[in-house]
Protein backbone atom coordinates (compact mmCIF):
# COMPACT_ATOMS: atom_id res chain seq x y z
CA MET A 1 81.70 92.19 85.94
CA GLU A 2 82.98 95.91 85.87
CA PHE A 3 81.40 98.91 87.19
CA ASN A 4 79.84 100.08 84.28
CA GLN A 5 78.55 96.77 83.68
CA ILE A 6 76.70 96.76 86.85
CA ILE A 7 75.17 100.21 86.72
CA HIS A 8 73.77 99.05 83.30
CA GLU A 9 72.64 96.01 84.60
CA PHE A 10 70.78 98.13 87.83
CA GLU A 11 69.47 100.46 85.68
CA GLU A 12 67.98 97.34 83.42
CA LEU A 13 66.50 95.64 86.57
CA SER A 14 65.41 99.00 87.88
CA ASP A 15 61.70 99.05 89.69
CA VAL A 16 60.76 102.44 90.80
CA ASP A 17 57.41 100.74 92.49
CA PHE A 18 59.53 98.50 94.42
CA ALA A 19 61.83 101.47 95.34
CA GLN A 20 58.76 103.13 96.70
CA ASN A 21 57.68 100.33 98.63
CA MET A 22 60.76 100.15 100.55
CA LYS A 23 60.02 103.25 102.11
CA LYS A 24 57.23 101.13 104.03
CA PHE A 25 59.73 99.20 105.56
CA GLY A 26 61.89 102.07 107.07
CA ILE A 27 64.41 101.84 104.45
CA ASN A 28 64.86 105.91 103.89
CA TYR A 29 67.27 105.71 101.00
CA VAL A 30 68.33 109.05 99.43
CA LYS A 31 68.81 106.96 95.45
CA SER A 32 67.76 103.97 94.64
CA TYR A 33 66.97 101.46 91.86
CA GLY A 34 64.39 99.38 93.61
CA LEU A 35 66.25 95.76 93.36
CA ARG A 36 65.39 92.70 95.77
CA LEU A 37 68.19 91.67 97.41
CA PRO A 38 68.30 88.33 95.62
CA GLN A 39 69.03 90.35 92.41
CA ILE A 40 72.17 91.96 93.87
CA ARG A 41 73.10 88.73 95.31
CA LYS A 42 73.11 87.42 92.10
CA ILE A 43 75.45 90.27 90.49
CA ALA A 44 77.53 89.77 93.42
CA LYS A 45 78.53 86.25 92.35
CA GLN A 46 79.12 87.36 89.08
CA CYS A 47 82.07 90.19 90.61
CA GLY A 48 83.69 88.05 93.21
CA LYS A 49 85.95 90.11 95.60
CA ASN A 50 87.11 93.26 94.36
CA HIS A 51 88.52 95.89 96.74
CA ASP A 52 88.55 98.86 94.30
CA LEU A 53 85.16 97.99 92.86
CA ALA A 54 83.66 98.20 96.24
CA LEU A 55 84.92 101.44 96.86
CA GLU A 56 83.73 102.32 93.48
CA LEU A 57 80.30 100.90 94.26
CA TRP A 58 80.29 102.72 97.65
CA ASN A 59 80.79 106.27 96.47
CA HIS A 60 78.32 105.67 93.83
CA GLY A 61 75.52 106.62 96.51
CA TYR A 62 72.69 104.42 95.72
CA HIS A 63 71.19 101.96 98.00
CA GLU A 64 71.67 98.56 96.07
CA THR A 65 75.45 99.89 95.34
CA TYR A 66 76.23 100.43 98.98
CA LEU A 67 74.58 97.20 99.57
CA LEU A 68 76.89 95.40 96.46
CA ALA A 69 79.70 97.02 97.88
CA THR A 70 79.74 95.02 101.26
CA LEU A 71 78.85 91.93 99.40
CA VAL A 72 82.11 92.37 97.04
CA GLU A 73 84.53 94.09 99.60
CA ASN A 74 87.52 92.05 100.68
CA PRO A 75 87.55 91.97 104.45
CA GLU A 76 91.17 91.78 104.53
CA GLU A 77 91.84 95.02 102.31
CA VAL A 78 89.53 97.29 104.79
CA ASP A 79 91.37 99.56 107.02
CA SER A 80 90.25 101.45 109.84
CA ILE A 81 89.87 104.87 108.15
CA GLN A 82 87.45 102.88 105.29
CA LEU A 83 85.59 101.33 108.49
CA ASP A 84 84.87 103.86 110.16
CA GLU A 85 83.86 106.11 106.78
CA TRP A 86 81.27 102.99 106.15
CA VAL A 87 80.05 102.77 109.48
CA ASN A 88 79.03 106.39 110.34
CA SER A 89 77.41 106.64 106.59
CA PHE A 90 75.04 103.69 107.91
CA TYR A 91 71.19 105.01 106.97
CA SER A 92 69.09 102.05 107.14
CA TRP A 93 68.42 99.02 109.31
CA ASP A 94 69.01 96.77 106.26
CA LEU A 95 72.18 97.85 105.17
CA VAL A 96 73.38 97.69 108.76
CA ASP A 97 72.46 94.49 108.77
CA GLN A 98 73.73 93.43 105.50
CA ALA A 99 76.90 95.01 106.36
CA CYS A 100 77.14 92.67 109.28
CA ILE A 101 76.65 89.64 107.50
CA ASN A 102 78.32 89.90 104.39
CA LEU A 103 81.73 91.99 105.50
CA LEU A 104 81.72 93.13 109.16
CA ARG A 105 81.87 89.57 110.93
CA PHE A 106 85.16 88.94 108.76
CA ILE A 107 86.96 92.12 109.90
CA PRO A 108 88.71 91.54 113.47
CA GLU A 109 88.66 95.27 114.21
CA ALA A 110 85.01 95.74 113.63
CA ILE A 111 84.26 92.98 116.27
CA ASP A 112 86.49 94.89 118.31
CA ASN A 113 84.45 97.91 117.58
CA ILE A 114 81.45 96.63 119.29
CA PHE A 115 82.11 98.25 122.28
CA ILE A 116 82.75 101.67 121.17
CA TRP A 117 79.66 101.84 118.43
CA SER A 118 77.29 100.35 121.44
CA ASN A 119 77.88 104.04 122.90
CA SER A 120 77.20 106.16 119.89
CA GLU A 121 74.58 108.91 119.85
CA GLU A 122 73.82 107.78 115.62
CA GLU A 123 70.98 105.41 115.86
CA PHE A 124 72.17 103.39 112.95
CA VAL A 125 75.78 103.24 114.35
CA LYS A 126 74.61 101.79 117.48
CA ARG A 127 72.40 99.41 115.65
CA THR A 128 75.60 98.16 114.06
CA ALA A 129 77.07 96.92 117.04
CA PHE A 130 74.13 94.81 118.33
CA SER A 131 73.26 93.27 114.91
CA LEU A 132 76.82 92.44 114.78
CA ILE A 133 76.61 90.76 118.18
CA ALA A 134 73.63 88.91 116.83
CA VAL A 135 75.51 87.98 113.56
CA LEU A 136 78.09 86.43 115.56
CA ALA A 137 76.27 84.41 117.64
CA VAL A 138 74.43 82.66 114.36
CA HIS A 139 78.02 81.68 112.77
CA ASN A 140 79.61 80.98 116.25
CA LYS A 141 77.27 78.82 118.39
CA ASP A 142 79.59 77.17 120.63
CA ALA A 143 81.28 80.91 121.43
CA ASN A 144 80.85 82.76 124.90
CA PHE A 145 79.15 85.84 124.64
CA ASP A 146 79.37 86.86 128.18
CA GLU A 147 81.46 90.19 126.83
CA TYR A 148 78.46 91.23 125.53
CA PHE A 149 75.97 91.37 128.43
CA GLU A 150 76.77 94.45 130.21
CA ILE A 151 76.49 96.84 126.81
CA ILE A 152 73.21 94.53 125.78
CA LYS A 153 71.77 95.41 129.35
CA GLU A 154 72.74 99.10 128.96
CA GLY A 155 71.33 99.18 125.23
CA SER A 156 68.27 97.79 125.94
CA LYS A 157 67.23 101.19 127.50
CA ASP A 158 67.51 102.98 124.30
CA ASN A 159 63.85 103.48 123.07
CA ARG A 160 64.90 104.42 119.45
CA ASN A 161 62.85 101.73 117.14
CA PHE A 162 65.97 100.66 114.96
CA VAL A 163 68.42 100.19 118.20
CA LYS A 164 65.95 98.17 120.46
CA LYS A 165 65.26 95.48 117.58
CA SER A 166 69.07 95.00 117.40
CA VAL A 167 69.40 94.78 121.10
CA ASN A 168 66.53 92.39 121.18
CA TRP A 169 68.14 90.51 118.03
CA ALA A 170 71.57 89.89 119.64
CA LEU A 171 69.54 88.72 123.10
CA ARG A 172 67.97 86.05 121.11
CA GLN A 173 70.30 84.75 118.96
CA ILE A 174 72.96 84.38 121.82
CA GLY A 175 69.90 82.43 123.45
CA LYS A 176 69.60 80.34 120.61
CA SER A 177 73.05 79.64 119.97
CA SER A 178 73.39 76.64 122.86
CA ALA A 179 72.12 75.49 125.56
CA GLU A 180 74.64 77.13 128.00
CA ASN A 181 73.66 80.59 126.20
CA ASN A 182 70.26 80.04 126.25
CA ARG A 183 70.48 79.72 129.99
CA LYS A 184 72.68 82.71 130.48
CA ALA A 185 70.40 84.80 127.88
CA LEU A 186 67.37 84.16 129.80
CA GLU A 187 68.92 85.14 133.10
CA LEU A 188 69.91 88.38 131.39
CA SER A 189 66.40 88.89 129.82
CA TYR A 190 65.02 88.84 133.33
CA GLU A 191 67.53 91.25 134.73
CA ILE A 192 66.51 93.58 131.99
CA LEU A 193 62.78 92.97 132.84
CA GLU A 194 63.63 94.64 135.96
CA ILE A 195 64.69 97.56 134.68
CA ASP A 196 62.43 100.55 135.10
CA ASN A 197 62.33 101.29 131.45
CA ASN A 198 59.60 100.82 128.43
CA ALA A 199 62.16 99.65 126.10
CA SER A 200 64.09 97.33 128.14
CA LYS A 201 60.92 95.70 129.25
CA TRP A 202 60.07 95.32 125.50
CA VAL A 203 63.10 93.75 124.57
CA ALA A 204 63.33 91.43 127.52
CA ARG A 205 59.68 90.18 126.82
CA GLY A 206 60.13 89.34 123.29
CA ALA A 207 63.43 87.81 124.24
CA ILE A 208 61.80 85.72 127.02
CA LYS A 209 59.14 84.52 124.74
CA GLU A 210 61.25 83.12 122.12
CA LEU A 211 63.71 81.86 124.25
CA GLU A 212 61.10 80.06 126.33
CA SER A 213 59.27 78.74 123.43
CA GLU A 214 58.80 74.97 123.19
CA LYS A 215 60.68 74.97 119.84
CA VAL A 216 63.79 76.83 121.34
CA GLN A 217 63.87 74.44 124.18
CA ASN A 218 63.23 71.10 122.52
CA LYS A 219 66.41 72.04 120.34
CA PHE A 220 68.37 71.96 123.07
CA SER A 221 66.80 68.75 124.97
CA LYS A 222 67.48 66.66 121.88
CA LYS A 223 71.41 67.27 121.78
């Protein structure tokens, strides 16, 4: 599927009311066709992996073309310059999370950059670090995530909504990945709970509530 065909399809599917509704959920795009993610994923399947197409889509500057770009980009063709430009262009939580799910988890340099991005002053760059940890925990359940504990602890102090939510997400996903990681994540959560910071306490309480829940604990006791 070529770029012009995709744009024609987006225009045909465009939903102004849905585009406006997106803003109620904190998706503050500049331009949007108002498409739902399943629609975008369906189009992505018709495109396959295509680096040049991904660049065209990204440069088009619509919320949906950004999302589609993360789906069709070939991770092996993303260089340092492109990686830096894309991540520093993030402006919404859903674009961050979809980029982590669809693309960044497959790029070793992006994983290495978690430590750099976790110190960023930019809200959505910083969210990228912790969302990527969460996504890695979903897909690598037996991995050891100890190396991220210090930045999670420090990141919990950030009161910005989209940062603290991603820190909480990272902590919860690590804690749900294995019995051993559950134990470690709960220990870390209780350490964070002791920090004299409202955001930290919010992050910790949310993680503890889920990780100590009967549902999560039963999952590990059955193994």
